[in-house]
Amino acid sequence: MKGLKLVNGDLVFDENGELEMVSDDDEIVQNLEMILSTQLGEFQLDETIGLDRSNILTKQFDEEQAHYDIVETLMQEDRVAEVREIIFTPNKKNRRMSVDVTVVKTDGSAVSLEGVTVDA
């Protein structure tokens, strides 16, 4: 698949003023990052897309429950067959949480996402 390239939620233009595109693994990684960065219910056109952050933004962080929520969220992407690994990196000083994730696509290949903020 192809999609419009986004950086920090903004469209990217090349030196000629044309919209840049992403495809293949870059496109699925971008899509997964967007799903994780979207709070469940935030996207008004489809309120079932996004991550329920209630188990991530608690004082008593439950990694097992947060792991389940991340897996459930990533499975919203039809091209994901399995979530292989999730690594949580909390920053208690700034009250931020980021994750590194490896997923297996339906074609059997794996892609990784690194440092996706899931608490903003």
N, C-alpha and C. Protein backbone atom coordinates (compact mmCIF):
# COMPACT_ATOMS: atom_id res chain seq x y z
N MET A 1 0.83 -1.18 0.00
CA MET A 1 0.00 0.00 0.00
C MET A 1 0.87 1.25 0.00
N LYS A 2 0.27 2.33 -0.39
CA LYS A 2 0.92 3.63 -0.34
C LYS A 2 0.07 4.58 0.48
N GLY A 3 0.73 5.54 1.08
CA GLY A 3 0.03 6.55 1.84
C GLY A 3 0.82 7.84 1.84
N LEU A 4 0.20 8.90 2.30
CA LEU A 4 0.88 10.18 2.42
C LEU A 4 1.87 10.12 3.58
N LYS A 5 3.05 10.66 3.38
CA LYS A 5 4.06 10.67 4.43
C LYS A 5 3.72 11.75 5.45
N LEU A 6 3.77 11.37 6.72
CA LEU A 6 3.51 12.29 7.81
C LEU A 6 4.71 12.33 8.76
N VAL A 7 5.01 13.51 9.25
CA VAL A 7 6.02 13.67 10.29
C VAL A 7 5.38 14.53 11.36
N ASN A 8 5.27 13.97 12.56
CA ASN A 8 4.62 14.65 13.68
C ASN A 8 3.20 15.09 13.31
N GLY A 9 2.51 14.26 12.51
CA GLY A 9 1.14 14.55 12.13
C GLY A 9 0.97 15.52 10.98
N ASP A 10 2.07 16.02 10.44
CA ASP A 10 2.02 16.97 9.33
C ASP A 10 2.42 16.31 8.02
N LEU A 11 1.77 16.72 6.94
CA LEU A 11 2.13 16.23 5.62
C LEU A 11 3.53 16.71 5.26
N VAL A 12 4.24 15.88 4.48
CA VAL A 12 5.61 16.20 4.08
C VAL A 12 5.63 16.47 2.58
N PHE A 13 6.30 17.55 2.20
CA PHE A 13 6.44 17.93 0.80
C PHE A 13 7.91 17.80 0.40
N ASP A 14 8.15 17.40 -0.85
CA ASP A 14 9.51 17.32 -1.35
C ASP A 14 9.98 18.70 -1.81
N GLU A 15 11.19 18.75 -2.36
CA GLU A 15 11.78 20.03 -2.78
C GLU A 15 11.01 20.69 -3.92
N ASN A 16 10.17 19.92 -4.63
CA ASN A 16 9.35 20.47 -5.72
C ASN A 16 7.95 20.87 -5.27
N GLY A 17 7.69 20.75 -3.96
CA GLY A 17 6.38 21.09 -3.44
C GLY A 17 5.35 19.99 -3.61
N GLU A 18 5.79 18.80 -4.00
CA GLU A 18 4.89 17.66 -4.18
C GLU A 18 4.78 16.89 -2.86
N LEU A 19 3.61 16.34 -2.60
CA LEU A 19 3.43 15.52 -1.41
C LEU A 19 4.29 14.27 -1.51
N GLU A 20 4.97 13.95 -0.42
CA GLU A 20 5.77 12.72 -0.37
C GLU A 20 4.87 11.56 0.02
N MET A 21 5.25 10.39 -0.45
CA MET A 21 4.49 9.18 -0.18
C MET A 21 5.36 8.19 0.59
N VAL A 22 4.71 7.29 1.31
CA VAL A 22 5.39 6.15 1.94
C VAL A 22 4.72 4.89 1.43
N SER A 23 5.47 3.81 1.41
CA SER A 23 4.92 2.54 0.94
C SER A 23 5.56 1.39 1.70
N ASP A 24 5.01 0.22 1.48
CA ASP A 24 5.54 -1.02 2.04
C ASP A 24 5.67 -0.94 3.56
N ASP A 25 6.83 -1.35 4.11
CA ASP A 25 6.99 -1.37 5.56
C ASP A 25 6.90 0.01 6.19
N ASP A 26 7.40 1.03 5.48
CA ASP A 26 7.33 2.39 6.03
C ASP A 26 5.88 2.82 6.21
N GLU A 27 5.02 2.41 5.31
CA GLU A 27 3.61 2.79 5.39
C GLU A 27 2.92 2.09 6.56
N ILE A 28 3.17 0.80 6.75
CA ILE A 28 2.52 0.10 7.86
C ILE A 28 3.04 0.59 9.20
N VAL A 29 4.34 0.86 9.28
CA VAL A 29 4.90 1.40 10.52
C VAL A 29 4.27 2.75 10.84
N GLN A 30 4.16 3.61 9.84
CA GLN A 30 3.52 4.91 10.05
C GLN A 30 2.08 4.74 10.52
N ASN A 31 1.35 3.80 9.91
CA ASN A 31 -0.03 3.57 10.30
C ASN A 31 -0.13 3.06 11.74
N LEU A 32 0.74 2.13 12.12
CA LEU A 32 0.73 1.60 13.49
C LEU A 32 1.09 2.69 14.50
N GLU A 33 2.04 3.54 14.16
CA GLU A 33 2.39 4.65 15.05
C GLU A 33 1.20 5.58 15.25
N MET A 34 0.47 5.84 14.18
CA MET A 34 -0.69 6.72 14.29
C MET A 34 -1.78 6.09 15.15
N ILE A 35 -2.00 4.79 14.99
CA ILE A 35 -3.02 4.11 15.80
C ILE A 35 -2.64 4.18 17.27
N LEU A 36 -1.37 3.91 17.59
CA LEU A 36 -0.93 3.95 18.98
C LEU A 36 -0.97 5.36 19.56
N SER A 37 -0.75 6.35 18.73
CA SER A 37 -0.72 7.73 19.20
C SER A 37 -2.10 8.36 19.30
N THR A 38 -3.10 7.66 18.81
CA THR A 38 -4.47 8.16 18.86
C THR A 38 -5.17 7.58 20.08
N GLN A 39 -5.77 8.44 20.85
CA GLN A 39 -6.52 7.98 22.02
C GLN A 39 -7.84 7.37 21.54
N LEU A 40 -8.20 6.24 22.11
CA LEU A 40 -9.44 5.57 21.74
C LEU A 40 -10.62 6.54 21.87
N GLY A 41 -11.39 6.65 20.80
CA GLY A 41 -12.55 7.54 20.78
C GLY A 41 -12.25 8.94 20.28
N GLU A 42 -10.98 9.26 20.09
CA GLU A 42 -10.58 10.61 19.68
C GLU A 42 -10.91 10.90 18.22
N PHE A 43 -10.79 9.90 17.35
CA PHE A 43 -11.04 10.08 15.93
C PHE A 43 -12.53 9.97 15.68
N GLN A 44 -13.19 11.09 15.40
CA GLN A 44 -14.65 11.14 15.34
C GLN A 44 -15.25 10.33 14.20
N LEU A 45 -14.48 10.10 13.13
CA LEU A 45 -15.02 9.32 12.02
C LEU A 45 -15.08 7.83 12.32
N ASP A 46 -14.25 7.36 13.25
CA ASP A 46 -14.29 5.97 13.70
C ASP A 46 -13.75 5.92 15.12
N GLU A 47 -14.65 5.98 16.08
CA GLU A 47 -14.26 6.05 17.49
C GLU A 47 -13.76 4.72 18.05
N THR A 48 -13.70 3.68 17.22
CA THR A 48 -13.16 2.40 17.66
C THR A 48 -11.67 2.28 17.38
N ILE A 49 -11.08 3.29 16.75
CA ILE A 49 -9.66 3.28 16.43
C ILE A 49 -8.89 3.99 17.53
N GLY A 50 -7.77 3.41 17.92
CA GLY A 50 -6.90 4.06 18.89
C GLY A 50 -6.65 3.21 20.12
N LEU A 51 -5.87 3.76 21.02
CA LEU A 51 -5.42 3.08 22.24
C LEU A 51 -6.16 3.60 23.46
N ASP A 52 -6.70 2.68 24.24
CA ASP A 52 -7.28 3.02 25.54
C ASP A 52 -6.11 3.21 26.49
N ARG A 53 -5.86 4.44 26.89
CA ARG A 53 -4.68 4.76 27.70
C ARG A 53 -4.92 4.69 29.20
N SER A 54 -6.11 4.30 29.61
CA SER A 54 -6.43 4.33 31.04
C SER A 54 -5.51 3.42 31.86
N ASN A 55 -5.04 2.32 31.29
CA ASN A 55 -4.13 1.43 32.03
C ASN A 55 -2.67 1.85 31.92
N ILE A 56 -2.39 2.82 31.08
CA ILE A 56 -1.03 3.31 30.92
C ILE A 56 -0.81 4.55 31.77
N LEU A 57 -1.84 5.37 31.91
CA LEU A 57 -1.72 6.63 32.62
C LEU A 57 -2.17 6.54 34.07
N THR A 58 -1.84 5.46 34.73
CA THR A 58 -2.22 5.29 36.12
C THR A 58 -0.98 5.39 37.01
N LYS A 59 -1.20 5.68 38.28
CA LYS A 59 -0.08 5.71 39.22
C LYS A 59 0.47 4.31 39.45
N GLN A 60 -0.42 3.34 39.44
CA GLN A 60 -0.01 1.93 39.64
C GLN A 60 0.05 1.24 38.29
N PHE A 61 1.08 1.54 37.51
CA PHE A 61 1.22 1.01 36.16
C PHE A 61 1.23 -0.52 36.20
N ASP A 62 0.31 -1.12 35.45
CA ASP A 62 0.20 -2.58 35.34
C ASP A 62 0.70 -2.96 33.94
N GLU A 63 1.93 -3.43 33.86
CA GLU A 63 2.54 -3.71 32.56
C GLU A 63 1.78 -4.81 31.81
N GLU A 64 1.27 -5.78 32.52
CA GLU A 64 0.52 -6.86 31.85
C GLU A 64 -0.75 -6.32 31.18
N GLN A 65 -1.49 -5.48 31.87
CA GLN A 65 -2.70 -4.90 31.30
C GLN A 65 -2.37 -3.94 30.16
N ALA A 66 -1.33 -3.15 30.34
CA ALA A 66 -0.90 -2.23 29.28
C ALA A 66 -0.44 -3.01 28.05
N HIS A 67 0.23 -4.12 28.27
CA HIS A 67 0.67 -5.00 27.17
C HIS A 67 -0.55 -5.47 26.39
N TYR A 68 -1.57 -5.93 27.11
CA TYR A 68 -2.80 -6.39 26.48
C TYR A 68 -3.44 -5.26 25.65
N ASP A 69 -3.48 -4.06 26.21
CA ASP A 69 -4.08 -2.92 25.51
C ASP A 69 -3.31 -2.59 24.22
N ILE A 70 -1.99 -2.65 24.28
CA ILE A 70 -1.17 -2.38 23.09
C ILE A 70 -1.43 -3.44 22.02
N VAL A 71 -1.46 -4.70 22.42
CA VAL A 71 -1.72 -5.78 21.46
C VAL A 71 -3.09 -5.59 20.81
N GLU A 72 -4.10 -5.34 21.63
CA GLU A 72 -5.45 -5.13 21.11
C GLU A 72 -5.49 -3.97 20.12
N THR A 73 -4.76 -2.92 20.42
CA THR A 73 -4.73 -1.74 19.55
C THR A 73 -4.03 -2.05 18.23
N LEU A 74 -2.89 -2.70 18.29
CA LEU A 74 -2.15 -3.00 17.06
C LEU A 74 -2.90 -3.98 16.16
N MET A 75 -3.72 -4.82 16.75
CA MET A 75 -4.50 -5.77 15.95
C MET A 75 -5.63 -5.09 15.19
N GLN A 76 -5.83 -3.79 15.43
CA GLN A 76 -6.81 -3.03 14.64
C GLN A 76 -6.34 -2.91 13.19
N GLU A 77 -5.04 -3.05 12.96
CA GLU A 77 -4.47 -3.01 11.61
C GLU A 77 -4.57 -4.42 11.01
N ASP A 78 -5.32 -4.55 9.92
CA ASP A 78 -5.58 -5.84 9.31
C ASP A 78 -4.33 -6.58 8.86
N ARG A 79 -3.26 -5.87 8.61
CA ARG A 79 -2.03 -6.51 8.11
C ARG A 79 -1.15 -7.05 9.23
N VAL A 80 -1.56 -6.91 10.48
CA VAL A 80 -0.79 -7.42 11.61
C VAL A 80 -1.34 -8.80 11.99
N ALA A 81 -0.45 -9.79 11.99
CA ALA A 81 -0.84 -11.15 12.37
C ALA A 81 -0.53 -11.44 13.83
N GLU A 82 0.53 -10.81 14.34
CA GLU A 82 0.98 -11.12 15.70
C GLU A 82 1.82 -9.97 16.23
N VAL A 83 1.70 -9.72 17.52
CA VAL A 83 2.58 -8.76 18.19
C VAL A 83 3.62 -9.60 18.93
N ARG A 84 4.86 -9.44 18.51
CA ARG A 84 5.92 -10.31 19.01
C ARG A 84 6.55 -9.79 20.30
N GLU A 85 6.81 -8.49 20.36
CA GLU A 85 7.52 -7.95 21.51
C GLU A 85 7.07 -6.52 21.79
N ILE A 86 6.93 -6.19 23.08
CA ILE A 86 6.62 -4.82 23.49
C ILE A 86 7.57 -4.47 24.64
N ILE A 87 8.24 -3.36 24.49
CA ILE A 87 9.13 -2.87 25.55
C ILE A 87 8.64 -1.48 25.96
N PHE A 88 8.29 -1.34 27.23
CA PHE A 88 7.83 -0.07 27.77
C PHE A 88 9.02 0.72 28.32
N THR A 89 9.05 2.01 28.03
CA THR A 89 10.09 2.89 28.56
C THR A 89 9.41 4.07 29.23
N PRO A 90 9.23 3.96 30.55
CA PRO A 90 8.60 5.08 31.26
C PRO A 90 9.61 6.17 31.58
N ASN A 91 9.11 7.40 31.59
CA ASN A 91 9.90 8.54 32.03
C ASN A 91 9.05 9.21 33.11
N LYS A 92 9.27 8.80 34.35
CA LYS A 92 8.43 9.27 35.46
C LYS A 92 8.57 10.76 35.69
N LYS A 93 9.75 11.30 35.42
CA LYS A 93 9.97 12.73 35.64
C LYS A 93 9.05 13.56 34.73
N ASN A 94 8.94 13.16 33.48
CA ASN A 94 8.11 13.90 32.53
C ASN A 94 6.72 13.29 32.35
N ARG A 95 6.43 12.24 33.11
CA ARG A 95 5.14 11.53 33.03
C ARG A 95 4.83 11.14 31.59
N ARG A 96 5.78 10.48 30.96
CA ARG A 96 5.64 10.04 29.58
C ARG A 96 5.93 8.55 29.51
N MET A 97 5.33 7.92 28.52
CA MET A 97 5.58 6.50 28.30
C MET A 97 5.77 6.30 26.80
N SER A 98 6.82 5.59 26.46
CA SER A 98 7.00 5.24 25.06
C SER A 98 7.17 3.73 24.97
N VAL A 99 6.92 3.20 23.78
CA VAL A 99 7.03 1.77 23.57
C VAL A 99 7.83 1.48 22.31
N ASP A 100 8.54 0.38 22.36
CA ASP A 100 9.16 -0.22 21.19
C ASP A 100 8.39 -1.51 20.95
N VAL A 101 8.02 -1.76 19.70
CA VAL A 101 7.16 -2.90 19.39
C VAL A 101 7.69 -3.60 18.14
N THR A 102 7.62 -4.91 18.15
CA THR A 102 7.87 -5.70 16.95
C THR A 102 6.61 -6.47 16.63
N VAL A 103 6.14 -6.34 15.39
CA VAL A 103 4.94 -7.06 14.96
C VAL A 103 5.29 -7.93 13.76
N VAL A 104 4.54 -9.02 13.62
CA VAL A 104 4.66 -9.88 12.45
C VAL A 104 3.46 -9.58 11.56
N LYS A 105 3.76 -9.28 10.31
CA LYS A 105 2.70 -8.98 9.35
C LYS A 105 2.09 -10.28 8.84
N THR A 106 0.96 -10.16 8.18
CA THR A 106 0.27 -11.34 7.66
C THR A 106 1.09 -12.07 6.61
N ASP A 107 2.07 -11.40 6.00
CA ASP A 107 2.93 -12.07 5.02
C ASP A 107 4.11 -12.79 5.68
N GLY A 108 4.19 -12.74 7.03
CA GLY A 108 5.23 -13.44 7.77
C GLY A 108 6.45 -12.62 8.09
N SER A 109 6.61 -11.46 7.49
CA SER A 109 7.77 -10.61 7.79
C SER A 109 7.47 -9.75 9.02
N ALA A 110 8.53 -9.26 9.63
CA ALA A 110 8.38 -8.47 10.85
C ALA A 110 8.79 -7.03 10.60
N VAL A 111 8.14 -6.12 11.32
CA VAL A 111 8.52 -4.71 11.32
C VAL A 111 8.58 -4.24 12.77
N SER A 112 9.39 -3.21 13.00
CA SER A 112 9.56 -2.69 14.36
C SER A 112 9.23 -1.21 14.41
N LEU A 113 8.66 -0.81 15.52
CA LEU A 113 8.38 0.59 15.82
C LEU A 113 9.21 0.92 17.04
N GLU A 114 9.82 2.10 17.05
CA GLU A 114 10.66 2.46 18.18
C GLU A 114 10.28 3.82 18.73
N GLY A 115 10.18 3.88 20.05
CA GLY A 115 9.97 5.15 20.74
C GLY A 115 8.65 5.83 20.46
N VAL A 116 7.59 5.05 20.30
CA VAL A 116 6.27 5.64 20.04
C VAL A 116 5.68 6.10 21.36
N THR A 117 5.35 7.39 21.44
CA THR A 117 4.76 7.94 22.67
C THR A 117 3.29 7.51 22.74
N VAL A 118 2.91 6.94 23.87
CA VAL A 118 1.54 6.43 24.02
C VAL A 118 0.79 7.13 25.14
N ASP A 119 1.27 8.29 25.58
CA ASP A 119 0.62 8.93 26.71
C ASP A 119 0.33 10.40 26.50
N ALA A 120 0.56 10.92 25.31
CA ALA A 120 0.39 12.35 25.09
C ALA A 120 -1.07 12.72 24.95
